[in-house]
Amino acid sequence: MSKKNRVIMNDDIRATELRCNVDGGESLGIVSFDEAMEKANELGQDLVLIAPDAKPPVAKIMDYGKFKYQEEKKLKEQRKNQVKIDVKEIKLSVKIAENDIAYKVKHAREFLEKGKHVKFRVFLRGREMAHPEAAREVLQRVWPMVEDIAVMEKPPKFEGRYYNMYVVPKK
């Protein structure tokens, strides 16, 4: 376990005095470690160090197993509610014919209608690197074909050997 996530509880606590709270809001004030441990045992719960750097350190008497279970449940719920974005990539070239562009755009439109994000990429080979504006022109020919159902999230941009354009479906 990493140092940040490590929980110090019960007999692992090294402080002699603690500011102690009971789960539910009751505050015991500043008490010795032995008194706090005794109270925790009396309630059948754990003594968990909440703020070890405070003066004096803050501890809480709680059912740690239940607390951990509820935290995991919250994390699971958050993960369940996340939406995974599916990005489809359409590769083009500088010397692509008009009908090939139409064919690839047809597929891109299908992806956009299904709610997927589309990344258009134009790969520059060899001497094509000397004229990257040719790749930009290809993407500028593609955009009017999808602008009725899509929004351009990232305009055409030169990155390495690729010219990329990122489009998302309209809401």
C-alpha atoms as a PDB file:
ATOM      1  CA  MET A   1       0.000   0.000   0.000  1.00  0.00           C
ATOM      2  CA  SER A   2       1.293   3.483  -0.763  1.00  0.00           C
ATOM      3  CA  LYS A   3       2.110   5.802   2.112  1.00  0.00           C
ATOM      4  CA  LYS A   4      -0.735   8.160   1.131  1.00  0.00           C
ATOM      5  CA  ASN A   5      -3.412   5.430   1.163  1.00  0.00           C
ATOM      6  CA  ARG A   6      -2.153   3.669   4.313  1.00  0.00           C
ATOM      7  CA  VAL A   7      -4.598   3.837   7.192  1.00  0.00           C
ATOM      8  CA  ILE A   8      -3.167   4.004  10.720  1.00  0.00           C
ATOM      9  CA  MET A   9      -5.548   2.405  13.183  1.00  0.00           C
ATOM     10  CA  ASN A  10      -5.826   0.807  16.623  1.00  0.00           C
ATOM     11  CA  ASP A  11      -2.429  -0.325  17.997  1.00  0.00           C
ATOM     12  CA  ASP A  12      -0.468   1.210  15.078  1.00  0.00           C
ATOM     13  CA  ILE A  13      -1.180   4.714  16.434  1.00  0.00           C
ATOM     14  CA  ARG A  14       1.950   6.068  18.143  1.00  0.00           C
ATOM     15  CA  ALA A  15       0.587   9.351  19.569  1.00  0.00           C
ATOM     16  CA  THR A  16       0.104   9.632  23.327  1.00  0.00           C
ATOM     17  CA  GLU A  17      -2.707  12.211  23.103  1.00  0.00           C
ATOM     18  CA  LEU A  18      -5.456  12.388  20.509  1.00  0.00           C
ATOM     19  CA  ARG A  19      -8.350  14.650  19.636  1.00  0.00           C
ATOM     20  CA  CYS A  20     -11.026  11.978  19.489  1.00  0.00           C
ATOM     21  CA  ASN A  21     -14.424  11.911  17.754  1.00  0.00           C
ATOM     22  CA  VAL A  22     -16.988   9.129  17.732  1.00  0.00           C
ATOM     23  CA  ASP A  23     -18.695   8.172  14.448  1.00  0.00           C
ATOM     24  CA  GLY A  24     -22.016  10.001  14.595  1.00  0.00           C
ATOM     25  CA  GLY A  25     -20.732  13.423  15.667  1.00  0.00           C
ATOM     26  CA  GLU A  26     -19.951  13.062  19.394  1.00  0.00           C
ATOM     27  CA  SER A  27     -16.595  14.612  20.359  1.00  0.00           C
ATOM     28  CA  LEU A  28     -14.576  13.287  23.296  1.00  0.00           C
ATOM     29  CA  GLY A  29     -12.078  16.154  23.118  1.00  0.00           C
ATOM     30  CA  ILE A  30      -8.368  15.629  23.775  1.00  0.00           C
ATOM     31  CA  VAL A  31      -7.847  12.270  25.501  1.00  0.00           C
ATOM     32  CA  SER A  32      -4.939   9.865  25.995  1.00  0.00           C
ATOM     33  CA  PHE A  33      -4.412   7.035  23.523  1.00  0.00           C
ATOM     34  CA  ASP A  34      -5.332   4.450  26.193  1.00  0.00           C
ATOM     35  CA  GLU A  35      -8.666   6.178  26.961  1.00  0.00           C
ATOM     36  CA  ALA A  36      -9.514   6.427  23.258  1.00  0.00           C
ATOM     37  CA  MET A  37      -8.641   2.749  22.694  1.00  0.00           C
ATOM     38  CA  GLU A  38     -10.722   1.774  25.722  1.00  0.00           C
ATOM     39  CA  LYS A  39     -13.734   3.725  24.411  1.00  0.00           C
ATOM     40  CA  ALA A  40     -13.334   2.129  20.955  1.00  0.00           C
ATOM     41  CA  ASN A  41     -13.186  -1.379  22.472  1.00  0.00           C
ATOM     42  CA  GLU A  42     -16.217  -0.555  24.625  1.00  0.00           C
ATOM     43  CA  LEU A  43     -18.182   0.388  21.485  1.00  0.00           C
ATOM     44  CA  GLY A  44     -16.769  -2.589  19.560  1.00  0.00           C
ATOM     45  CA  GLN A  45     -15.296  -0.342  16.861  1.00  0.00           C
ATOM     46  CA  ASP A  46     -11.877   0.741  15.534  1.00  0.00           C
ATOM     47  CA  LEU A  47      -9.791   3.786  16.417  1.00  0.00           C
ATOM     48  CA  VAL A  48      -8.733   5.289  13.071  1.00  0.00           C
ATOM     49  CA  LEU A  49      -6.218   8.128  12.717  1.00  0.00           C
ATOM     50  CA  ILE A  50      -7.815  10.762  10.446  1.00  0.00           C
ATOM     51  CA  ALA A  51      -5.299  13.646  10.599  1.00  0.00           C
ATOM     52  CA  PRO A  52      -1.888  12.377  11.787  1.00  0.00           C
ATOM     53  CA  ASP A  53      -0.129  15.712  11.136  1.00  0.00           C
ATOM     54  CA  ALA A  54      -2.455  17.811  13.328  1.00  0.00           C
ATOM     55  CA  LYS A  55      -1.438  18.928  16.816  1.00  0.00           C
ATOM     56  CA  PRO A  56      -2.685  16.801  18.586  1.00  0.00           C
ATOM     57  CA  PRO A  57      -3.481  14.122  15.960  1.00  0.00           C
ATOM     58  CA  VAL A  58      -7.179  13.591  15.190  1.00  0.00           C
ATOM     59  CA  ALA A  59      -8.661  10.099  15.531  1.00  0.00           C
ATOM     60  CA  LYS A  60     -12.157   8.781  14.936  1.00  0.00           C
ATOM     61  CA  ILE A  61     -13.905   5.810  16.506  1.00  0.00           C
ATOM     62  CA  MET A  62     -15.734   4.016  13.698  1.00  0.00           C
ATOM     63  CA  ASP A  63     -16.489   0.632  12.158  1.00  0.00           C
ATOM     64  CA  TYR A  64     -13.624   0.641   9.637  1.00  0.00           C
ATOM     65  CA  GLY A  65     -14.843  -2.426   7.713  1.00  0.00           C
ATOM     66  CA  LYS A  66     -18.229  -0.790   7.090  1.00  0.00           C
ATOM     67  CA  PHE A  67     -16.565   2.511   6.157  1.00  0.00           C
ATOM     68  CA  LYS A  68     -14.281   0.800   3.626  1.00  0.00           C
ATOM     69  CA  TYR A  69     -17.216  -1.154   2.148  1.00  0.00           C
ATOM     70  CA  GLN A  70     -19.220   2.052   1.630  1.00  0.00           C
ATOM     71  CA  GLU A  71     -16.222   3.776  -0.004  1.00  0.00           C
ATOM     72  CA  GLU A  72     -15.799   0.863  -2.443  1.00  0.00           C
ATOM     73  CA  LYS A  73     -19.541   0.962  -3.174  1.00  0.00           C
ATOM     74  CA  LYS A  74     -19.290   4.690  -4.011  1.00  0.00           C
ATOM     75  CA  LEU A  75     -16.323   4.070  -6.334  1.00  0.00           C
ATOM     76  CA  LYS A  76     -18.204   1.261  -8.100  1.00  0.00           C
ATOM     77  CA  GLU A  77     -21.218   3.527  -8.598  1.00  0.00           C
ATOM     78  CA  GLN A  78     -19.009   6.287 -10.037  1.00  0.00           C
ATOM     79  CA  ARG A  79     -17.381   3.828 -12.450  1.00  0.00           C
ATOM     80  CA  LYS A  80     -20.791   2.532 -13.503  1.00  0.00           C
ATOM     81  CA  ASN A  81     -21.980   6.049 -14.332  1.00  0.00           C
ATOM     82  CA  GLN A  82     -18.915   6.870 -16.445  1.00  0.00           C
ATOM     83  CA  VAL A  83     -19.410   7.091 -20.184  1.00  0.00           C
ATOM     84  CA  LYS A  84     -16.655   5.536 -22.270  1.00  0.00           C
ATOM     85  CA  ILE A  85     -16.029   7.584 -25.407  1.00  0.00           C
ATOM     86  CA  ASP A  86     -15.453   5.474 -28.469  1.00  0.00           C
ATOM     87  CA  VAL A  87     -13.144   7.154 -31.007  1.00  0.00           C
ATOM     88  CA  LYS A  88     -13.069   5.859 -34.567  1.00  0.00           C
ATOM     89  CA  GLU A  89     -10.166   6.774 -36.810  1.00  0.00           C
ATOM     90  CA  ILE A  90     -10.500   7.433 -40.529  1.00  0.00           C
ATOM     91  CA  LYS A  91      -7.181   7.408 -42.391  1.00  0.00           C
ATOM     92  CA  LEU A  92      -6.803   9.418 -45.557  1.00  0.00           C
ATOM     93  CA  SER A  93      -3.897  10.260 -47.841  1.00  0.00           C
ATOM     94  CA  VAL A  94      -2.914  13.386 -49.723  1.00  0.00           C
ATOM     95  CA  LYS A  95      -3.488  11.762 -53.125  1.00  0.00           C
ATOM     96  CA  ILE A  96      -6.960  10.416 -52.308  1.00  0.00           C
ATOM     97  CA  ALA A  97      -9.616  10.500 -55.040  1.00  0.00           C
ATOM     98  CA  GLU A  98     -12.945  12.271 -54.564  1.00  0.00           C
ATOM     99  CA  ASN A  99     -15.011   9.050 -54.611  1.00  0.00           C
ATOM    100  CA  ASP A 100     -12.688   7.481 -52.000  1.00  0.00           C
ATOM    101  CA  ILE A 101     -13.232  10.504 -49.762  1.00  0.00           C
ATOM    102  CA  ALA A 102     -17.004  10.089 -50.203  1.00  0.00           C
ATOM    103  CA  TYR A 103     -16.753   6.389 -49.258  1.00  0.00           C
ATOM    104  CA  LYS A 104     -14.731   7.107 -46.106  1.00  0.00           C
ATOM    105  CA  VAL A 105     -17.000  10.001 -45.137  1.00  0.00           C
ATOM    106  CA  LYS A 106     -20.013   7.657 -45.502  1.00  0.00           C
ATOM    107  CA  HIS A 107     -18.466   5.422 -42.827  1.00  0.00           C
ATOM    108  CA  ALA A 108     -17.623   8.429 -40.663  1.00  0.00           C
ATOM    109  CA  ARG A 109     -21.251   9.585 -40.870  1.00  0.00           C
ATOM    110  CA  GLU A 110     -22.418   6.131 -39.709  1.00  0.00           C
ATOM    111  CA  PHE A 111     -20.063   6.345 -36.720  1.00  0.00           C
ATOM    112  CA  LEU A 112     -21.250   9.861 -35.876  1.00  0.00           C
ATOM    113  CA  GLU A 113     -24.910   8.781 -36.070  1.00  0.00           C
ATOM    114  CA  LYS A 114     -24.130   6.013 -33.565  1.00  0.00           C
ATOM    115  CA  GLY A 115     -22.708   8.672 -31.213  1.00  0.00           C
ATOM    116  CA  LYS A 116     -19.041   7.838 -31.703  1.00  0.00           C
ATOM    117  CA  HIS A 117     -16.274  10.439 -32.038  1.00  0.00           C
ATOM    118  CA  VAL A 118     -14.303  10.443 -35.286  1.00  0.00           C
ATOM    119  CA  LYS A 119     -10.664  11.366 -35.859  1.00  0.00           C
ATOM    120  CA  PHE A 120      -9.692  12.074 -39.455  1.00  0.00           C
ATOM    121  CA  ARG A 121      -5.966  11.544 -40.130  1.00  0.00           C
ATOM    122  CA  VAL A 122      -3.998  12.367 -43.227  1.00  0.00           C
ATOM    123  CA  PHE A 123      -0.618  10.622 -43.282  1.00  0.00           C
ATOM    124  CA  LEU A 124       2.215  12.421 -45.078  1.00  0.00           C
ATOM    125  CA  ARG A 125       4.739  10.160 -46.826  1.00  0.00           C
ATOM    126  CA  GLY A 126       8.215  11.123 -47.975  1.00  0.00           C
ATOM    127  CA  ARG A 127       8.179  14.298 -50.059  1.00  0.00           C
ATOM    128  CA  GLU A 128       4.597  15.064 -49.038  1.00  0.00           C
ATOM    129  CA  MET A 129       6.125  16.363 -45.780  1.00  0.00           C
ATOM    130  CA  ALA A 130       7.410  19.361 -47.750  1.00  0.00           C
ATOM    131  CA  HIS A 131       3.788  20.429 -48.464  1.00  0.00           C
ATOM    132  CA  PRO A 132       1.621  19.755 -45.398  1.00  0.00           C
ATOM    133  CA  GLU A 133      -0.943  22.264 -46.671  1.00  0.00           C
ATOM    134  CA  ALA A 134      -2.055  19.547 -49.152  1.00  0.00           C
ATOM    135  CA  ALA A 135      -3.171  17.407 -46.186  1.00  0.00           C
ATOM    136  CA  ARG A 136      -5.016  20.371 -44.695  1.00  0.00           C
ATOM    137  CA  GLU A 137      -6.861  20.815 -48.006  1.00  0.00           C
ATOM    138  CA  VAL A 138      -7.994  17.165 -47.892  1.00  0.00           C
ATOM    139  CA  LEU A 139      -9.452  17.706 -44.409  1.00  0.00           C
ATOM    140  CA  GLN A 140     -11.093  20.937 -45.566  1.00  0.00           C
ATOM    141  CA  ARG A 141     -12.794  18.941 -48.354  1.00  0.00           C
ATOM    142  CA  VAL A 142     -14.015  16.377 -45.790  1.00  0.00           C
ATOM    143  CA  TRP A 143     -15.460  18.858 -43.287  1.00  0.00           C
ATOM    144  CA  PRO A 144     -18.407  20.148 -45.400  1.00  0.00           C
ATOM    145  CA  MET A 145     -19.526  16.536 -45.898  1.00  0.00           C
ATOM    146  CA  VAL A 146     -20.004  15.949 -42.148  1.00  0.00           C
ATOM    147  CA  GLU A 147     -20.715  19.415 -40.727  1.00  0.00           C
ATOM    148  CA  ASP A 148     -24.507  18.907 -40.789  1.00  0.00           C
ATOM    149  CA  ILE A 149     -24.305  16.089 -38.177  1.00  0.00           C
ATOM    150  CA  ALA A 150     -21.018  16.884 -36.425  1.00  0.00           C
ATOM    151  CA  VAL A 151     -19.134  19.554 -34.516  1.00  0.00           C
ATOM    152  CA  MET A 152     -15.421  20.116 -35.081  1.00  0.00           C
ATOM    153  CA  GLU A 153     -13.859  19.695 -31.654  1.00  0.00           C
ATOM    154  CA  LYS A 154     -10.279  20.109 -32.851  1.00  0.00           C
ATOM    155  CA  PRO A 155      -9.637  21.867 -36.151  1.00  0.00           C
ATOM    156  CA  PRO A 156      -7.064  20.442 -38.592  1.00  0.00           C
ATOM    157  CA  LYS A 157      -3.686  20.443 -36.875  1.00  0.00           C
ATOM    158  CA  PHE A 158      -0.252  19.230 -37.958  1.00  0.00           C
ATOM    159  CA  GLU A 159       1.235  16.652 -35.539  1.00  0.00           C
ATOM    160  CA  GLY A 160       4.366  14.772 -36.570  1.00  0.00           C
ATOM    161  CA  ARG A 161       3.681  13.052 -39.908  1.00  0.00           C
ATOM    162  CA  TYR A 162      -0.092  13.420 -39.543  1.00  0.00           C
ATOM    163  CA  TYR A 163      -2.647  16.148 -40.078  1.00  0.00           C
ATOM    164  CA  ASN A 164      -5.481  15.457 -37.626  1.00  0.00           C
ATOM    165  CA  MET A 165      -9.052  16.707 -37.304  1.00  0.00           C
ATOM    166  CA  TYR A 166     -11.351  15.585 -34.480  1.00  0.00           C
ATOM    167  CA  VAL A 167     -15.150  15.704 -34.859  1.00  0.00           C
ATOM    168  CA  VAL A 168     -17.931  14.784 -32.421  1.00  0.00           C
ATOM    169  CA  PRO A 169     -21.660  14.230 -33.061  1.00  0.00           C
ATOM    170  CA  LYS A 170     -24.033  17.163 -32.556  1.00  0.00           C
ATOM    171  CA  LYS A 171     -26.132  16.975 -29.404  1.00  0.00           C
END
